[in-house]
Amino acid sequence: MRPITALVSLLLPATLLFGCTGSSSSQGASANDKTLVSTDFDEFRGWVSNADSSLSNRQAYSGRYSLTIGAGREYGMTFKYPLGELSATKPRTLNVQAWVRTEETTTPAQLVVEVLKPGTNERVFWKGIHLFGGSKPGKWTKLNTDLVMPDNIAFDHILGVYMWGNGAQKPVYLDDLQITSAD
């Protein structure tokens, strides 16, 4: 029984960090599925942690976890994945939806969506989406915006997504992030 317990205790954290593909964190390149990113931050396929983990269990819109920045934490966990592995067609417009909770009326915090050339990390596209739009302090507010992609994106380019505190003094939480191809 002990070898099985040891194996489970070693494999469970690795599975949670690197391989979860449940319905709340799925990515796929099928022609019918236009979902590129979908997570409630209870699973992490494609997400990499920075030195100061931004995963929080203090507030969550659904599940147990959300991402948080602000109050001294400048960057959140980062999603990086090749576009060609996320979509069977080149996306022209991305729809970004998430739930945001701020602790102040306005915040400089942003959700950044970028597209990078592999190897060089040269930016092909960069957009910071302000996270205070219409939010009430202490309440979850839905974020919903469309981003038009430039014509020069390619399947080998890397889609990057992360939260940027931009000097935010109080915590900002993000949960239930979904990015789909709106084409």
N, C-alpha and C. Protein backbone atom coordinates (compact mmCIF):
# COMPACT_ATOMS: atom_id res chain seq x y z
N MET A 1 0.81 -1.19 0.00
CA MET A 1 0.00 0.00 0.00
C MET A 1 0.86 1.27 0.00
N ARG A 2 1.99 1.25 0.67
CA ARG A 2 2.84 2.43 0.74
C ARG A 2 3.38 2.85 -0.63
N PRO A 3 3.81 1.93 -1.49
CA PRO A 3 4.28 2.37 -2.82
C PRO A 3 3.18 3.08 -3.61
N ILE A 4 1.94 2.62 -3.49
CA ILE A 4 0.84 3.26 -4.20
C ILE A 4 0.61 4.66 -3.65
N THR A 5 0.63 4.81 -2.34
CA THR A 5 0.45 6.13 -1.72
C THR A 5 1.56 7.07 -2.15
N ALA A 6 2.80 6.58 -2.18
CA ALA A 6 3.93 7.41 -2.59
C ALA A 6 3.78 7.83 -4.05
N LEU A 7 3.36 6.89 -4.92
CA LEU A 7 3.18 7.20 -6.33
C LEU A 7 2.09 8.25 -6.53
N VAL A 8 0.96 8.09 -5.82
CA VAL A 8 -0.13 9.06 -5.94
C VAL A 8 0.31 10.42 -5.43
N SER A 9 1.06 10.47 -4.33
CA SER A 9 1.49 11.76 -3.79
C SER A 9 2.50 12.45 -4.71
N LEU A 10 3.22 11.70 -5.54
CA LEU A 10 4.14 12.30 -6.50
C LEU A 10 3.43 12.72 -7.79
N LEU A 11 2.51 11.91 -8.26
CA LEU A 11 1.85 12.18 -9.53
C LEU A 11 0.75 13.23 -9.44
N LEU A 12 0.05 13.31 -8.33
CA LEU A 12 -1.05 14.26 -8.21
C LEU A 12 -0.59 15.70 -8.38
N PRO A 13 0.45 16.18 -7.67
CA PRO A 13 0.89 17.56 -7.91
C PRO A 13 1.36 17.80 -9.34
N ALA A 14 2.07 16.84 -9.93
CA ALA A 14 2.54 17.00 -11.30
C ALA A 14 1.36 17.10 -12.26
N THR A 15 0.34 16.29 -12.04
CA THR A 15 -0.85 16.32 -12.89
C THR A 15 -1.56 17.66 -12.75
N LEU A 16 -1.69 18.15 -11.53
CA LEU A 16 -2.36 19.43 -11.32
C LEU A 16 -1.62 20.58 -11.98
N LEU A 17 -0.29 20.55 -11.95
CA LEU A 17 0.47 21.65 -12.51
C LEU A 17 0.63 21.59 -14.02
N PHE A 18 0.76 20.39 -14.59
CA PHE A 18 1.15 20.31 -15.99
C PHE A 18 0.16 19.65 -16.93
N GLY A 19 -0.79 18.87 -16.45
CA GLY A 19 -1.53 18.09 -17.42
C GLY A 19 -3.02 18.10 -17.32
N CYS A 20 -3.62 18.92 -16.50
CA CYS A 20 -5.06 18.87 -16.34
C CYS A 20 -5.74 19.37 -17.61
N THR A 21 -6.68 18.57 -18.09
CA THR A 21 -7.39 18.96 -19.30
C THR A 21 -8.88 18.77 -19.13
N GLY A 22 -9.38 18.96 -17.93
CA GLY A 22 -10.81 18.83 -17.68
C GLY A 22 -11.58 19.92 -18.40
N SER A 23 -12.90 19.88 -18.27
CA SER A 23 -13.73 20.82 -19.00
C SER A 23 -13.46 22.27 -18.63
N SER A 24 -12.95 22.53 -17.43
CA SER A 24 -12.71 23.91 -17.04
C SER A 24 -11.36 24.42 -17.52
N SER A 25 -10.56 23.59 -18.13
CA SER A 25 -9.24 24.05 -18.56
C SER A 25 -8.85 23.40 -19.88
N SER A 26 -9.76 23.39 -20.81
CA SER A 26 -9.45 22.68 -22.05
C SER A 26 -9.02 23.62 -23.15
N GLN A 27 -8.10 23.15 -23.95
CA GLN A 27 -7.71 23.83 -25.16
C GLN A 27 -7.70 22.78 -26.26
N GLY A 28 -8.08 23.18 -27.45
CA GLY A 28 -8.07 22.20 -28.52
C GLY A 28 -8.02 22.87 -29.86
N ALA A 29 -7.59 22.13 -30.85
CA ALA A 29 -7.45 22.69 -32.18
C ALA A 29 -8.47 22.09 -33.14
N SER A 30 -9.68 21.82 -32.66
CA SER A 30 -10.69 21.30 -33.57
C SER A 30 -11.35 22.46 -34.30
N ALA A 31 -11.85 22.20 -35.48
CA ALA A 31 -12.47 23.24 -36.29
C ALA A 31 -13.76 23.75 -35.66
N ASN A 32 -14.48 22.90 -34.92
CA ASN A 32 -15.75 23.30 -34.33
C ASN A 32 -15.59 24.06 -33.02
N ASP A 33 -14.55 23.77 -32.27
CA ASP A 33 -14.33 24.40 -30.98
C ASP A 33 -13.52 25.68 -31.17
N LYS A 34 -14.11 26.80 -30.85
CA LYS A 34 -13.44 28.08 -31.01
C LYS A 34 -12.82 28.57 -29.70
N THR A 35 -12.81 27.72 -28.68
CA THR A 35 -12.23 28.08 -27.39
C THR A 35 -10.73 27.91 -27.44
N LEU A 36 -10.00 28.98 -27.14
CA LEU A 36 -8.55 28.93 -27.10
C LEU A 36 -8.05 28.75 -25.67
N VAL A 37 -8.68 29.44 -24.72
CA VAL A 37 -8.32 29.37 -23.31
C VAL A 37 -9.60 29.34 -22.50
N SER A 38 -9.68 28.43 -21.53
CA SER A 38 -10.82 28.38 -20.63
C SER A 38 -10.35 27.79 -19.31
N THR A 39 -10.38 28.60 -18.25
CA THR A 39 -9.92 28.11 -16.96
C THR A 39 -10.61 28.83 -15.81
N ASP A 40 -10.81 28.09 -14.74
CA ASP A 40 -11.30 28.69 -13.50
C ASP A 40 -10.16 28.74 -12.47
N PHE A 41 -8.94 28.51 -12.93
CA PHE A 41 -7.71 28.54 -12.14
C PHE A 41 -7.64 27.46 -11.07
N ASP A 42 -8.49 26.45 -11.19
CA ASP A 42 -8.34 25.26 -10.37
C ASP A 42 -7.52 24.23 -11.13
N GLU A 43 -7.27 24.47 -12.42
CA GLU A 43 -6.42 23.64 -13.27
C GLU A 43 -5.56 24.56 -14.13
N PHE A 44 -4.42 24.08 -14.64
CA PHE A 44 -3.42 25.01 -15.16
C PHE A 44 -2.76 24.65 -16.48
N ARG A 45 -3.37 23.99 -17.39
CA ARG A 45 -2.70 23.64 -18.64
C ARG A 45 -2.30 24.91 -19.39
N GLY A 46 -1.02 25.05 -19.66
CA GLY A 46 -0.51 26.20 -20.40
C GLY A 46 -0.08 27.36 -19.53
N TRP A 47 -0.40 27.34 -18.24
CA TRP A 47 -0.06 28.43 -17.33
C TRP A 47 1.26 28.13 -16.65
N VAL A 48 2.11 29.13 -16.55
CA VAL A 48 3.38 28.98 -15.83
C VAL A 48 3.43 30.02 -14.72
N SER A 49 4.00 29.62 -13.60
CA SER A 49 4.05 30.50 -12.44
C SER A 49 5.25 31.41 -12.52
N ASN A 50 5.10 32.61 -12.01
CA ASN A 50 6.24 33.49 -11.85
C ASN A 50 6.83 33.24 -10.46
N ALA A 51 7.87 33.94 -10.10
CA ALA A 51 8.54 33.69 -8.82
C ALA A 51 7.61 33.92 -7.64
N ASP A 52 6.73 34.89 -7.73
CA ASP A 52 5.79 35.21 -6.65
C ASP A 52 4.40 34.79 -7.10
N SER A 53 4.01 33.56 -6.79
CA SER A 53 2.77 33.00 -7.30
C SER A 53 1.58 33.90 -7.02
N SER A 54 0.75 34.08 -8.02
CA SER A 54 -0.42 34.95 -7.90
C SER A 54 -1.70 34.16 -7.71
N LEU A 55 -1.61 32.86 -7.52
CA LEU A 55 -2.78 32.04 -7.28
C LEU A 55 -3.30 32.32 -5.87
N SER A 56 -4.59 32.57 -5.75
CA SER A 56 -5.17 32.94 -4.46
C SER A 56 -6.41 32.11 -4.16
N ASN A 57 -6.57 31.75 -2.90
CA ASN A 57 -7.81 31.11 -2.48
C ASN A 57 -8.60 32.04 -1.56
N ARG A 58 -8.25 33.33 -1.53
CA ARG A 58 -8.98 34.32 -0.72
C ARG A 58 -10.32 34.68 -1.34
N GLN A 59 -10.35 34.83 -2.66
CA GLN A 59 -11.57 35.16 -3.39
C GLN A 59 -11.61 34.29 -4.64
N ALA A 60 -12.79 33.81 -4.98
CA ALA A 60 -12.97 33.06 -6.22
C ALA A 60 -14.40 33.25 -6.69
N TYR A 61 -14.57 33.46 -7.98
CA TYR A 61 -15.93 33.56 -8.52
C TYR A 61 -16.55 32.17 -8.59
N SER A 62 -15.76 31.18 -9.00
CA SER A 62 -16.20 29.79 -8.99
C SER A 62 -14.99 28.95 -8.58
N GLY A 63 -15.23 27.75 -8.16
CA GLY A 63 -14.12 26.90 -7.73
C GLY A 63 -13.49 27.43 -6.46
N ARG A 64 -12.21 27.12 -6.28
CA ARG A 64 -11.51 27.51 -5.06
C ARG A 64 -10.48 28.60 -5.27
N TYR A 65 -10.04 28.82 -6.52
CA TYR A 65 -8.92 29.72 -6.76
C TYR A 65 -9.23 30.79 -7.80
N SER A 66 -8.48 31.86 -7.73
CA SER A 66 -8.47 32.91 -8.73
C SER A 66 -7.03 33.41 -8.83
N LEU A 67 -6.77 34.27 -9.80
CA LEU A 67 -5.48 34.94 -9.87
C LEU A 67 -5.61 36.29 -9.21
N THR A 68 -4.54 36.75 -8.56
CA THR A 68 -4.57 38.07 -7.94
C THR A 68 -3.26 38.81 -8.19
N ILE A 69 -3.38 40.12 -8.32
CA ILE A 69 -2.24 41.02 -8.43
C ILE A 69 -2.56 42.24 -7.59
N GLY A 70 -1.62 43.18 -7.54
CA GLY A 70 -1.80 44.40 -6.78
C GLY A 70 -1.24 44.25 -5.38
N ALA A 71 -1.20 45.34 -4.64
CA ALA A 71 -0.69 45.34 -3.27
C ALA A 71 0.71 44.73 -3.21
N GLY A 72 1.58 45.16 -4.13
CA GLY A 72 2.95 44.67 -4.15
C GLY A 72 3.23 43.54 -5.11
N ARG A 73 2.21 42.92 -5.66
CA ARG A 73 2.39 41.84 -6.65
C ARG A 73 2.11 42.43 -8.03
N GLU A 74 3.14 42.56 -8.83
CA GLU A 74 3.04 43.29 -10.10
C GLU A 74 2.55 42.42 -11.26
N TYR A 75 2.89 41.12 -11.28
CA TYR A 75 2.50 40.25 -12.39
C TYR A 75 1.86 38.96 -11.87
N GLY A 76 0.89 38.47 -12.64
CA GLY A 76 0.25 37.21 -12.32
C GLY A 76 0.86 36.07 -13.12
N MET A 77 0.36 34.87 -12.88
CA MET A 77 0.78 33.71 -13.66
C MET A 77 0.57 34.01 -15.14
N THR A 78 1.36 33.38 -15.99
CA THR A 78 1.33 33.64 -17.42
C THR A 78 0.89 32.40 -18.19
N PHE A 79 0.00 32.61 -19.15
CA PHE A 79 -0.40 31.56 -20.08
C PHE A 79 0.41 31.77 -21.35
N LYS A 80 1.05 30.69 -21.84
CA LYS A 80 1.78 30.74 -23.12
C LYS A 80 1.54 29.44 -23.86
N TYR A 81 1.09 29.57 -25.12
CA TYR A 81 0.80 28.38 -25.91
C TYR A 81 0.84 28.76 -27.39
N PRO A 82 1.36 27.90 -28.26
CA PRO A 82 1.36 28.20 -29.69
C PRO A 82 -0.07 28.28 -30.24
N LEU A 83 -0.35 29.30 -31.03
CA LEU A 83 -1.68 29.49 -31.61
C LEU A 83 -2.14 28.27 -32.41
N GLY A 84 -1.22 27.66 -33.15
CA GLY A 84 -1.57 26.51 -33.98
C GLY A 84 -2.03 25.30 -33.19
N GLU A 85 -1.69 25.24 -31.90
CA GLU A 85 -2.15 24.14 -31.05
C GLU A 85 -3.45 24.50 -30.34
N LEU A 86 -3.87 25.75 -30.44
CA LEU A 86 -5.11 26.19 -29.79
C LEU A 86 -6.27 26.31 -30.77
N SER A 87 -5.96 26.53 -32.04
CA SER A 87 -7.01 26.78 -33.02
C SER A 87 -6.64 26.15 -34.36
N ALA A 88 -7.63 25.56 -35.01
CA ALA A 88 -7.41 24.97 -36.33
C ALA A 88 -7.40 26.05 -37.41
N THR A 89 -7.93 27.22 -37.10
CA THR A 89 -7.92 28.34 -38.05
C THR A 89 -7.27 29.55 -37.38
N LYS A 90 -6.71 30.42 -38.19
CA LYS A 90 -6.06 31.62 -37.67
C LYS A 90 -7.14 32.58 -37.15
N PRO A 91 -7.12 32.88 -35.84
CA PRO A 91 -8.16 33.77 -35.31
C PRO A 91 -7.96 35.20 -35.78
N ARG A 92 -9.05 35.85 -36.14
CA ARG A 92 -9.00 37.24 -36.57
C ARG A 92 -9.47 38.17 -35.45
N THR A 93 -10.42 37.68 -34.66
CA THR A 93 -10.92 38.44 -33.51
C THR A 93 -11.01 37.49 -32.32
N LEU A 94 -10.48 37.93 -31.18
CA LEU A 94 -10.57 37.15 -29.95
C LEU A 94 -11.61 37.79 -29.03
N ASN A 95 -12.48 36.98 -28.47
CA ASN A 95 -13.40 37.44 -27.45
C ASN A 95 -12.84 37.02 -26.10
N VAL A 96 -12.65 37.99 -25.21
CA VAL A 96 -12.09 37.74 -23.89
C VAL A 96 -13.18 37.98 -22.86
N GLN A 97 -13.46 36.94 -22.06
CA GLN A 97 -14.43 37.05 -20.98
C GLN A 97 -13.79 36.56 -19.70
N ALA A 98 -14.12 37.23 -18.60
CA ALA A 98 -13.63 36.82 -17.28
C ALA A 98 -14.46 37.53 -16.23
N TRP A 99 -14.28 37.09 -14.99
CA TRP A 99 -14.89 37.77 -13.86
C TRP A 99 -13.78 38.46 -13.08
N VAL A 100 -14.02 39.74 -12.73
CA VAL A 100 -13.02 40.57 -12.08
C VAL A 100 -13.59 41.11 -10.77
N ARG A 101 -12.75 41.12 -9.75
CA ARG A 101 -13.13 41.72 -8.47
C ARG A 101 -12.02 42.68 -8.05
N THR A 102 -12.38 43.93 -7.86
CA THR A 102 -11.42 44.93 -7.40
C THR A 102 -11.79 45.34 -5.97
N GLU A 103 -10.83 45.92 -5.29
CA GLU A 103 -11.08 46.39 -3.93
C GLU A 103 -11.12 47.92 -3.86
N GLU A 104 -11.09 48.57 -5.03
CA GLU A 104 -11.18 50.03 -5.09
C GLU A 104 -11.93 50.42 -6.37
N THR A 105 -12.42 51.65 -6.41
CA THR A 105 -13.25 52.11 -7.52
C THR A 105 -12.51 52.05 -8.85
N THR A 106 -11.26 52.51 -8.89
CA THR A 106 -10.46 52.42 -10.09
C THR A 106 -9.14 51.74 -9.74
N THR A 107 -8.58 51.08 -10.70
CA THR A 107 -7.29 50.42 -10.52
C THR A 107 -6.54 50.50 -11.85
N PRO A 108 -5.23 50.64 -11.80
CA PRO A 108 -4.47 50.64 -13.06
C PRO A 108 -4.22 49.23 -13.61
N ALA A 109 -4.64 48.20 -12.87
CA ALA A 109 -4.38 46.80 -13.26
C ALA A 109 -4.99 46.47 -14.62
N GLN A 110 -4.30 45.58 -15.35
CA GLN A 110 -4.75 45.19 -16.68
C GLN A 110 -4.57 43.69 -16.89
N LEU A 111 -5.42 43.14 -17.74
CA LEU A 111 -5.23 41.79 -18.26
C LEU A 111 -4.57 41.97 -19.61
N VAL A 112 -3.38 41.41 -19.79
CA VAL A 112 -2.63 41.58 -21.03
C VAL A 112 -2.81 40.35 -21.91
N VAL A 113 -3.13 40.60 -23.16
CA VAL A 113 -3.18 39.56 -24.19
C VAL A 113 -2.14 39.96 -25.24
N GLU A 114 -1.23 39.04 -25.53
CA GLU A 114 -0.19 39.35 -26.50
C GLU A 114 0.06 38.15 -27.41
N VAL A 115 0.65 38.43 -28.56
CA VAL A 115 1.09 37.38 -29.48
C VAL A 115 2.56 37.65 -29.75
N LEU A 116 3.39 36.61 -29.55
CA LEU A 116 4.84 36.74 -29.68
C LEU A 116 5.38 35.82 -30.76
N LYS A 117 6.45 36.26 -31.42
CA LYS A 117 7.16 35.37 -32.34
C LYS A 117 7.98 34.40 -31.51
N PRO A 118 7.96 33.11 -31.86
CA PRO A 118 8.73 32.14 -31.07
C PRO A 118 10.23 32.37 -31.20
N GLY A 119 10.95 32.08 -30.14
CA GLY A 119 12.40 32.22 -30.16
C GLY A 119 12.88 33.62 -29.85
N THR A 120 12.30 34.62 -30.51
CA THR A 120 12.75 36.00 -30.31
C THR A 120 11.90 36.75 -29.28
N ASN A 121 10.70 36.27 -29.03
CA ASN A 121 9.72 36.95 -28.16
C ASN A 121 9.38 38.35 -28.64
N GLU A 122 9.56 38.60 -29.95
CA GLU A 122 9.17 39.88 -30.53
C GLU A 122 7.64 39.96 -30.52
N ARG A 123 7.12 41.09 -30.06
CA ARG A 123 5.68 41.27 -29.99
C ARG A 123 5.08 41.54 -31.36
N VAL A 124 4.08 40.74 -31.71
CA VAL A 124 3.31 40.94 -32.92
C VAL A 124 2.02 41.69 -32.57
N PHE A 125 1.54 41.46 -31.34
CA PHE A 125 0.31 42.08 -30.83
C PHE A 125 0.43 42.22 -29.33
N TRP A 126 -0.06 43.35 -28.77
CA TRP A 126 -0.10 43.55 -27.32
C TRP A 126 -1.29 44.44 -27.00
N LYS A 127 -2.11 44.01 -26.05
CA LYS A 127 -3.25 44.82 -25.61
C LYS A 127 -3.43 44.62 -24.11
N GLY A 128 -3.46 45.72 -23.38
CA GLY A 128 -3.78 45.70 -21.96
C GLY A 128 -5.23 46.08 -21.77
N ILE A 129 -6.01 45.19 -21.18
CA ILE A 129 -7.44 45.42 -20.95
C ILE A 129 -7.59 45.90 -19.51
N HIS A 130 -8.06 47.12 -19.31
CA HIS A 130 -8.23 47.67 -17.96
C HIS A 130 -9.27 46.86 -17.20
N LEU A 131 -8.97 46.59 -15.93
CA LEU A 131 -9.82 45.70 -15.13
C LEU A 131 -10.80 46.44 -14.22
N PHE A 132 -10.90 47.76 -14.32
CA PHE A 132 -11.82 48.47 -13.45
C PHE A 132 -13.14 48.80 -14.11
N GLY A 133 -13.28 48.59 -15.38
CA GLY A 133 -14.46 49.00 -16.14
C GLY A 133 -15.78 48.55 -15.55
N GLY A 134 -16.49 49.46 -14.91
CA GLY A 134 -17.82 49.17 -14.39
C GLY A 134 -17.85 48.36 -13.12
N SER A 135 -16.69 48.06 -12.55
CA SER A 135 -16.69 47.22 -11.36
C SER A 135 -16.99 48.03 -10.11
N LYS A 136 -17.62 47.38 -9.16
CA LYS A 136 -17.90 47.97 -7.86
C LYS A 136 -16.97 47.30 -6.86
N PRO A 137 -16.32 48.08 -6.00
CA PRO A 137 -15.40 47.47 -5.03
C PRO A 137 -16.07 46.34 -4.24
N GLY A 138 -15.36 45.22 -4.14
CA GLY A 138 -15.85 44.08 -3.39
C GLY A 138 -16.88 43.23 -4.10
N LYS A 139 -17.19 43.52 -5.37
CA LYS A 139 -18.19 42.76 -6.14
C LYS A 139 -17.53 42.19 -7.39
N TRP A 140 -17.97 41.00 -7.82
CA TRP A 140 -17.50 40.40 -9.06
C TRP A 140 -18.23 41.04 -10.23
N THR A 141 -17.48 41.44 -11.25
CA THR A 141 -18.02 42.09 -12.45
C THR A 141 -17.53 41.33 -13.67
N LYS A 142 -18.41 41.14 -14.64
CA LYS A 142 -18.03 40.42 -15.86
C LYS A 142 -17.28 41.35 -16.82
N LEU A 143 -16.14 40.86 -17.28
CA LEU A 143 -15.35 41.52 -18.32
C LEU A 143 -15.67 40.82 -19.63
N ASN A 144 -15.96 41.59 -20.67
CA ASN A 144 -16.27 41.01 -21.98
C ASN A 144 -15.81 42.00 -23.04
N THR A 145 -14.79 41.63 -23.82
CA THR A 145 -14.28 42.53 -24.84
C THR A 145 -13.76 41.73 -26.04
N ASP A 146 -13.75 42.36 -27.19
CA ASP A 146 -13.21 41.76 -28.40
C ASP A 146 -11.89 42.42 -28.76
N LEU A 147 -10.94 41.63 -29.23
CA LEU A 147 -9.64 42.12 -29.67
C LEU A 147 -9.42 41.70 -31.12
N VAL A 148 -9.19 42.66 -32.00
CA VAL A 148 -8.93 42.36 -33.41
C VAL A 148 -7.44 42.05 -33.57
N MET A 149 -7.15 40.89 -34.12
CA MET A 149 -5.77 40.45 -34.31
C MET A 149 -5.21 41.03 -35.61
N PRO A 150 -3.91 41.30 -35.64
CA PRO A 150 -3.30 41.78 -36.89
C PRO A 150 -3.23 40.66 -37.92
N ASP A 151 -3.13 41.02 -39.19
CA ASP A 151 -3.07 40.04 -40.28
C ASP A 151 -1.80 39.20 -40.26
N ASN A 152 -0.73 39.71 -39.64
CA ASN A 152 0.56 39.01 -39.71
C ASN A 152 0.77 37.96 -38.62
N ILE A 153 -0.28 37.58 -37.87
CA ILE A 153 -0.07 36.50 -36.91
C ILE A 153 0.02 35.17 -37.65
N ALA A 154 0.76 34.24 -37.06
CA ALA A 154 0.97 32.93 -37.69
C ALA A 154 0.74 31.82 -36.67
N PHE A 155 0.55 30.60 -37.16
CA PHE A 155 0.26 29.47 -36.28
C PHE A 155 1.39 29.16 -35.30
N ASP A 156 2.64 29.50 -35.66
CA ASP A 156 3.74 29.20 -34.74
C ASP A 156 3.93 30.31 -33.70
N HIS A 157 3.19 31.41 -33.82
CA HIS A 157 3.28 32.48 -32.82
C HIS A 157 2.67 32.01 -31.50
N ILE A 158 3.12 32.62 -30.43
CA ILE A 158 2.73 32.22 -29.08
C ILE A 158 1.69 33.20 -28.53
N LEU A 159 0.54 32.66 -28.10
CA LEU A 159 -0.46 33.47 -27.41
C LEU A 159 -0.04 33.57 -25.95
N GLY A 160 0.06 34.77 -25.45
CA GLY A 160 0.40 35.01 -24.05
C GLY A 160 -0.71 35.78 -23.36
N VAL A 161 -1.01 35.41 -22.11
CA VAL A 161 -2.03 36.08 -21.33
C VAL A 161 -1.51 36.17 -19.89
N TYR A 162 -1.59 37.38 -19.30
CA TYR A 162 -1.19 37.54 -17.90
C TYR A 162 -1.82 38.80 -17.33
N MET A 163 -1.87 38.86 -16.00
CA MET A 163 -2.34 40.06 -15.32
C MET A 163 -1.14 40.93 -14.98
N TRP A 164 -1.30 42.25 -15.14
CA TRP A 164 -0.25 43.21 -14.85
C TRP A 164 -0.81 44.22 -13.84
N GLY A 165 -0.18 44.33 -12.70
CA GLY A 165 -0.64 45.24 -11.65
C GLY A 165 -0.52 46.70 -12.02
N ASN A 166 0.52 47.06 -12.79
CA ASN A 166 0.69 48.43 -13.24
C ASN A 166 0.67 49.42 -12.07
N GLY A 167 1.20 48.99 -10.92
CA GLY A 167 1.25 49.83 -9.73
C GLY A 167 0.02 49.80 -8.86
N ALA A 168 -0.90 48.85 -9.07
CA ALA A 168 -2.13 48.77 -8.26
C ALA A 168 -1.78 48.63 -6.78
N GLN A 169 -2.45 49.41 -5.96
CA GLN A 169 -2.18 49.41 -4.52
C GLN A 169 -2.97 48.36 -3.76
N LYS A 170 -4.14 47.99 -4.27
CA LYS A 170 -5.00 47.01 -3.60
C LYS A 170 -5.18 45.79 -4.50
N PRO A 171 -5.54 44.64 -3.92
CA PRO A 171 -5.68 43.42 -4.71
C PRO A 171 -6.76 43.52 -5.80
N VAL A 172 -6.49 42.86 -6.91
CA VAL A 172 -7.43 42.69 -8.01
C VAL A 172 -7.46 41.20 -8.31
N TYR A 173 -8.66 40.62 -8.42
CA TYR A 173 -8.82 39.18 -8.64
C TYR A 173 -9.43 38.94 -10.01
N LEU A 174 -9.01 37.85 -10.65
CA LEU A 174 -9.52 37.44 -11.96
C LEU A 174 -9.87 35.96 -11.89
N ASP A 175 -11.05 35.59 -12.38
CA ASP A 175 -11.47 34.19 -12.36
C ASP A 175 -12.28 33.88 -13.61
N ASP A 176 -12.41 32.60 -13.90
CA ASP A 176 -13.22 32.09 -15.01
C ASP A 176 -12.90 32.79 -16.33
N LEU A 177 -11.65 32.76 -16.69
CA LEU A 177 -11.18 33.38 -17.94
C LEU A 177 -11.49 32.48 -19.12
N GLN A 178 -12.06 33.08 -20.17
CA GLN A 178 -12.32 32.34 -21.40
C GLN A 178 -11.97 33.23 -22.59
N ILE A 179 -11.17 32.69 -23.49
CA ILE A 179 -10.82 33.39 -24.71
C ILE A 179 -11.23 32.50 -25.88
N THR A 180 -12.06 33.06 -26.75
CA THR A 180 -12.54 32.31 -27.89
C THR A 180 -12.27 33.08 -29.17
N SER A 181 -12.23 32.35 -30.27
CA SER A 181 -12.13 32.98 -31.58
C SER A 181 -13.54 33.42 -31.96
N ALA A 182 -13.71 34.71 -32.18
CA ALA A 182 -15.04 35.26 -32.46
C ALA A 182 -15.39 35.20 -33.95
N ASP A 183 -14.52 34.61 -34.78
CA ASP A 183 -14.74 34.55 -36.22
C ASP A 183 -15.76 33.49 -36.59
